[in-house]
Amino acid sequence: MFDDISHILDSWKYSEHDVNVRLIQGADGRTKLQMRLDLGLLQMELDGRPDGRRPRNQNSYLDYFETKAKSRAQSKIKSPFVLSPMDCFKLQQEAVQYYHRYLALMKLRDYARVARDTMRNLRVFDFVEKFSDDEEMIWQFQQHRPYVIMMRSRAQASVKLDQNDFDAAIQLIKRAIKEIESHNEKWDERISPDCPELEFLHYWLDEISEQRPLSEAEQLNKELDQAIADENYERAAELRDKLARRK
């Protein structure tokens, strides 16, 4: 068997203007996710840890360290559980794997898995903040929180939009905006004045709000305002009666 993968790369040209992803059937019979890069490709599992490994016989390093922290809290050892720099490095490298996967899954519109992986990485950020005693190390994770929150809200809101539930999508985006604003306020000394994640979410919120179909009551109120503006008072009276009956 040849190790050269040139034939794969030649048949799948890389486009620098797009996220190049596809699903393939693995030799083990399971569906795999591939992402084409400029110098090669990444192949990932759809579920579990993206590289398919089970570090320390756990689903991930995050699961392993969470188990250690819980065991320490329940033991008689008085010293608290603290993540070492190497522990944080392992969590960081693992989080990068999940980043590549949810980026690829977003392109494929697999919103449920995007939400799963982004929430998982946010859990990593919270865990490092709680159990690391190095503020610089904590910031290495926290600096990415606005982006991950934005991606999570894109996935969750997209699920609702696919169900034509505009109100739920709007609420999810508003919640994400508040989360990012709270994060930026907390890390004010390190945060740039410009926040592209907030800019995107505000733009998307306006776009969805404009596309949102009016409810029956909202439509009646809109027609009422127009009738009054046109001085069509007979029509306005009819619309007021309809609104009163609804109430």
Protein backbone atom coordinates (compact mmCIF):
# COMPACT_ATOMS: atom_id res chain seq x y z
CA MET A 1 0.00 0.00 0.00
CA PHE A 2 1.34 3.44 -0.92
CA ASP A 3 1.54 6.09 1.80
CA ASP A 4 1.41 8.93 -0.74
CA ILE A 5 -2.00 10.64 -0.64
CA SER A 6 -1.39 12.79 -3.71
CA HIS A 7 -4.13 10.99 -5.62
CA ILE A 8 -6.67 12.05 -2.96
CA LEU A 9 -5.49 15.65 -2.97
CA ASP A 10 -5.46 15.78 -6.78
CA SER A 11 -9.06 14.59 -6.94
CA TRP A 12 -10.21 17.07 -4.29
CA LYS A 13 -8.92 20.52 -5.12
CA TYR A 14 -8.48 22.97 -2.26
CA SER A 15 -10.40 26.25 -2.40
CA GLU A 16 -9.02 29.03 -0.23
CA HIS A 17 -12.36 30.86 -0.37
CA ASP A 18 -14.43 28.11 1.24
CA VAL A 19 -14.46 25.52 4.02
CA ASN A 20 -13.73 22.31 2.13
CA VAL A 21 -15.46 19.40 3.86
CA ARG A 22 -17.13 16.11 2.97
CA LEU A 23 -18.43 12.89 4.50
CA ILE A 24 -16.83 9.59 3.48
CA GLN A 25 -17.32 5.94 4.37
CA GLY A 26 -14.47 4.73 6.56
CA ALA A 27 -12.72 1.39 6.26
CA ASP A 28 -14.38 0.43 9.55
CA GLY A 29 -17.82 1.02 8.03
CA ARG A 30 -18.48 4.23 9.94
CA THR A 31 -19.05 7.63 8.38
CA LYS A 32 -16.03 9.94 8.69
CA LEU A 33 -15.69 13.69 8.32
CA GLN A 34 -12.90 15.07 6.16
CA MET A 35 -11.66 18.65 5.88
CA ARG A 36 -9.40 19.62 2.99
CA LEU A 37 -6.53 21.93 3.95
CA ASP A 38 -4.00 23.68 1.74
CA LEU A 39 -1.31 21.10 2.59
CA GLY A 40 -3.42 18.00 3.08
CA LEU A 41 -6.56 16.94 4.90
CA LEU A 42 -7.98 16.13 8.31
CA GLN A 43 -10.10 13.07 8.94
CA MET A 44 -12.34 13.07 12.00
CA GLU A 45 -14.90 10.91 13.74
CA LEU A 46 -18.42 12.35 13.82
CA ASP A 47 -18.89 11.47 17.48
CA GLY A 48 -16.62 11.11 20.49
CA ARG A 49 -13.16 12.61 20.37
CA PRO A 50 -12.47 13.72 16.78
CA ASP A 51 -9.31 11.62 16.44
CA GLY A 52 -11.08 8.52 17.83
CA ARG A 53 -8.66 8.14 20.73
CA ARG A 54 -9.59 7.45 24.36
CA PRO A 55 -6.90 9.09 26.53
CA ARG A 56 -6.50 7.39 29.92
CA ASN A 57 -9.41 5.13 28.93
CA GLN A 58 -11.78 8.11 28.98
CA ASN A 59 -13.78 9.73 26.20
CA SER A 60 -11.49 12.77 26.33
CA TYR A 61 -8.92 14.53 28.49
CA LEU A 62 -11.70 16.78 29.70
CA ASP A 63 -13.62 13.77 31.02
CA TYR A 64 -10.42 12.42 32.58
CA PHE A 65 -9.56 15.64 34.42
CA GLU A 66 -13.17 16.22 35.48
CA THR A 67 -13.14 12.74 37.04
CA LYS A 68 -9.86 13.52 38.82
CA ALA A 69 -11.21 16.81 40.18
CA LYS A 70 -14.38 15.14 41.43
CA SER A 71 -12.43 12.32 43.08
CA ARG A 72 -10.13 14.81 44.80
CA ALA A 73 -13.11 16.77 46.13
CA GLN A 74 -14.63 13.59 47.54
CA SER A 75 -11.37 12.33 49.06
CA LYS A 76 -9.77 13.18 52.39
CA ILE A 77 -6.87 14.95 50.69
CA LYS A 78 -6.97 18.58 51.78
CA SER A 79 -4.98 20.09 48.92
CA PRO A 80 -7.26 21.20 46.05
CA PHE A 81 -7.07 19.79 42.55
CA VAL A 82 -5.02 22.09 40.28
CA LEU A 83 -4.37 21.75 36.56
CA SER A 84 -0.70 21.78 35.61
CA PRO A 85 0.55 23.64 32.53
CA MET A 86 0.86 20.28 30.75
CA ASP A 87 -2.71 19.40 31.70
CA CYS A 88 -3.89 22.68 30.21
CA PHE A 89 -1.84 22.06 27.08
CA LYS A 90 -3.56 18.69 26.59
CA LEU A 91 -6.97 20.30 27.03
CA GLN A 92 -6.04 23.05 24.60
CA GLN A 93 -4.86 20.66 21.91
CA GLU A 94 -7.99 18.60 22.36
CA ALA A 95 -10.20 21.69 22.11
CA VAL A 96 -8.55 22.53 18.77
CA GLN A 97 -9.70 19.15 17.44
CA TYR A 98 -13.29 19.93 18.41
CA TYR A 99 -12.92 23.39 16.82
CA HIS A 100 -11.96 21.86 13.47
CA ARG A 101 -14.87 19.47 13.69
CA TYR A 102 -17.58 21.98 14.54
CA LEU A 103 -16.28 24.29 11.81
CA ALA A 104 -16.66 21.46 9.30
CA LEU A 105 -20.04 20.41 10.69
CA MET A 106 -21.35 23.97 10.38
CA LYS A 107 -20.54 23.87 6.67
CA LEU A 108 -22.56 20.64 6.44
CA ARG A 109 -25.44 22.23 8.39
CA ASP A 110 -25.21 19.55 11.07
CA TYR A 111 -26.35 22.06 13.67
CA ALA A 112 -27.04 19.56 16.46
CA ARG A 113 -23.43 18.35 16.47
CA VAL A 114 -22.10 21.92 16.18
CA ALA A 115 -24.10 22.85 19.30
CA ARG A 116 -22.76 19.76 21.07
CA ASP A 117 -19.10 20.48 20.27
CA THR A 118 -19.25 24.22 21.00
CA MET A 119 -20.92 23.62 24.36
CA ARG A 120 -18.25 21.04 25.08
CA ASN A 121 -15.45 23.56 24.42
CA LEU A 122 -17.19 26.17 26.58
CA ARG A 123 -17.16 23.54 29.33
CA VAL A 124 -13.39 23.29 28.88
CA PHE A 125 -13.02 27.06 29.32
CA ASP A 126 -15.06 26.95 32.53
CA PHE A 127 -13.07 23.99 33.86
CA VAL A 128 -9.68 25.62 33.23
CA GLU A 129 -10.84 28.86 34.83
CA LYS A 130 -11.94 26.96 37.91
CA PHE A 131 -8.94 24.68 38.36
CA SER A 132 -5.94 26.55 36.94
CA ASP A 133 -4.01 28.96 39.16
CA ASP A 134 -2.35 30.69 36.18
CA GLU A 135 -4.29 33.72 34.92
CA GLU A 136 -2.32 33.84 31.68
CA MET A 137 -3.19 30.22 31.01
CA ILE A 138 -6.85 30.89 31.80
CA TRP A 139 -6.81 33.77 29.30
CA GLN A 140 -5.40 31.49 26.61
CA PHE A 141 -8.77 29.73 26.72
CA GLN A 142 -11.07 32.62 27.60
CA GLN A 143 -9.97 34.75 24.65
CA HIS A 144 -11.86 32.35 22.37
CA ARG A 145 -15.13 32.41 24.33
CA PRO A 146 -16.91 35.09 22.21
CA TYR A 147 -16.27 33.13 19.03
CA VAL A 148 -17.44 29.82 20.49
CA ILE A 149 -20.57 31.44 21.96
CA MET A 150 -21.32 32.94 18.55
CA MET A 151 -20.92 29.56 16.82
CA ARG A 152 -23.08 27.85 19.43
CA SER A 153 -25.84 30.42 18.98
CA ARG A 154 -25.61 30.13 15.18
CA ALA A 155 -26.17 26.39 15.45
CA GLN A 156 -28.95 26.55 18.02
CA ALA A 157 -30.78 29.41 16.31
CA SER A 158 -30.44 27.72 12.91
CA VAL A 159 -32.23 24.65 14.29
CA LYS A 160 -35.11 26.89 15.38
CA LEU A 161 -35.19 28.71 12.06
CA ASP A 162 -35.43 25.38 10.24
CA GLN A 163 -38.53 24.79 12.38
CA ASN A 164 -39.84 28.29 11.51
CA ASP A 165 -39.62 29.21 15.20
CA PHE A 166 -38.35 32.77 14.72
CA ASP A 167 -39.11 33.88 18.28
CA ALA A 168 -36.99 31.10 19.80
CA ALA A 169 -34.13 31.87 17.40
CA ILE A 170 -34.26 35.55 18.31
CA GLN A 171 -34.16 34.76 22.03
CA LEU A 172 -31.14 32.47 21.57
CA ILE A 173 -29.24 35.20 19.71
CA LYS A 174 -30.13 37.81 22.34
CA ARG A 175 -28.91 35.47 25.07
CA ALA A 176 -25.61 34.96 23.23
CA ILE A 177 -25.16 38.73 22.87
CA LYS A 178 -25.62 39.17 26.63
CA GLU A 179 -23.14 36.36 27.34
CA ILE A 180 -20.47 37.92 25.15
CA GLU A 181 -21.09 41.39 26.58
CA SER A 182 -20.74 39.97 30.09
CA HIS A 183 -17.52 38.19 29.12
CA ASN A 184 -16.09 41.34 27.54
CA GLU A 185 -16.93 43.35 30.63
CA LYS A 186 -15.21 40.78 32.86
CA TRP A 187 -12.04 40.79 30.73
CA ASP A 188 -12.26 44.47 29.84
CA GLU A 189 -8.51 45.12 30.20
CA ARG A 190 -7.66 42.40 27.67
CA ILE A 191 -10.53 42.80 25.20
CA SER A 192 -10.23 44.82 22.01
CA PRO A 193 -12.87 47.56 21.56
CA ASP A 194 -13.96 45.84 18.35
CA CYS A 195 -15.84 42.57 18.70
CA PRO A 196 -16.67 40.94 15.34
CA GLU A 197 -18.76 38.28 17.08
CA LEU A 198 -21.11 40.89 18.55
CA GLU A 199 -21.21 42.76 15.26
CA PHE A 200 -22.26 39.58 13.44
CA LEU A 201 -24.91 38.62 16.00
CA HIS A 202 -26.48 42.09 15.98
CA TYR A 203 -26.58 42.05 12.17
CA TRP A 204 -28.09 38.55 12.13
CA LEU A 205 -30.62 39.51 14.80
CA ASP A 206 -31.82 42.45 12.69
CA GLU A 207 -32.02 40.26 9.60
CA ILE A 208 -34.07 37.56 11.33
CA SER A 209 -36.34 40.12 12.99
CA GLU A 210 -37.16 41.56 9.56
CA GLN A 211 -37.86 38.11 8.13
CA ARG A 212 -39.99 37.02 11.09
CA PRO A 213 -43.66 36.61 10.08
CA LEU A 214 -46.06 38.82 12.02
CA SER A 215 -48.49 37.19 14.42
CA GLU A 216 -52.21 37.77 13.85
CA ALA A 217 -52.30 40.42 16.59
CA GLU A 218 -49.24 42.17 15.18
CA GLN A 219 -50.75 42.14 11.71
CA LEU A 220 -54.00 43.63 13.04
CA ASN A 221 -52.08 46.37 14.87
CA LYS A 222 -50.13 47.14 11.72
CA GLU A 223 -53.34 47.41 9.71
CA LEU A 224 -54.87 49.57 12.46
CA ASP A 225 -51.95 52.01 12.35
CA GLN A 226 -52.30 52.21 8.57
CA ALA A 227 -56.07 52.75 8.76
CA ILE A 228 -55.59 55.62 11.22
CA ALA A 229 -52.87 57.13 9.03
CA ASP A 230 -55.27 56.92 6.06
CA GLU A 231 -58.07 58.42 8.20
CA ASN A 232 -60.16 55.33 7.45
CA TYR A 233 -61.90 55.41 10.81
CA GLU A 234 -64.57 52.87 9.94
CA ARG A 235 -61.86 50.30 9.15
CA ALA A 236 -59.94 51.33 12.26
CA ALA A 237 -63.04 50.68 14.40
CA GLU A 238 -63.42 47.21 12.90
CA LEU A 239 -59.77 46.41 13.63
CA ARG A 240 -60.08 47.67 17.23
CA ASP A 241 -63.07 45.36 17.70
CA LYS A 242 -61.10 42.40 16.38
CA LEU A 243 -58.21 43.20 18.73
CA ALA A 244 -60.57 43.58 21.67
CA ARG A 245 -62.13 40.18 20.98
CA ARG A 246 -58.68 38.61 20.87
CA LYS A 247 -57.85 40.06 24.28
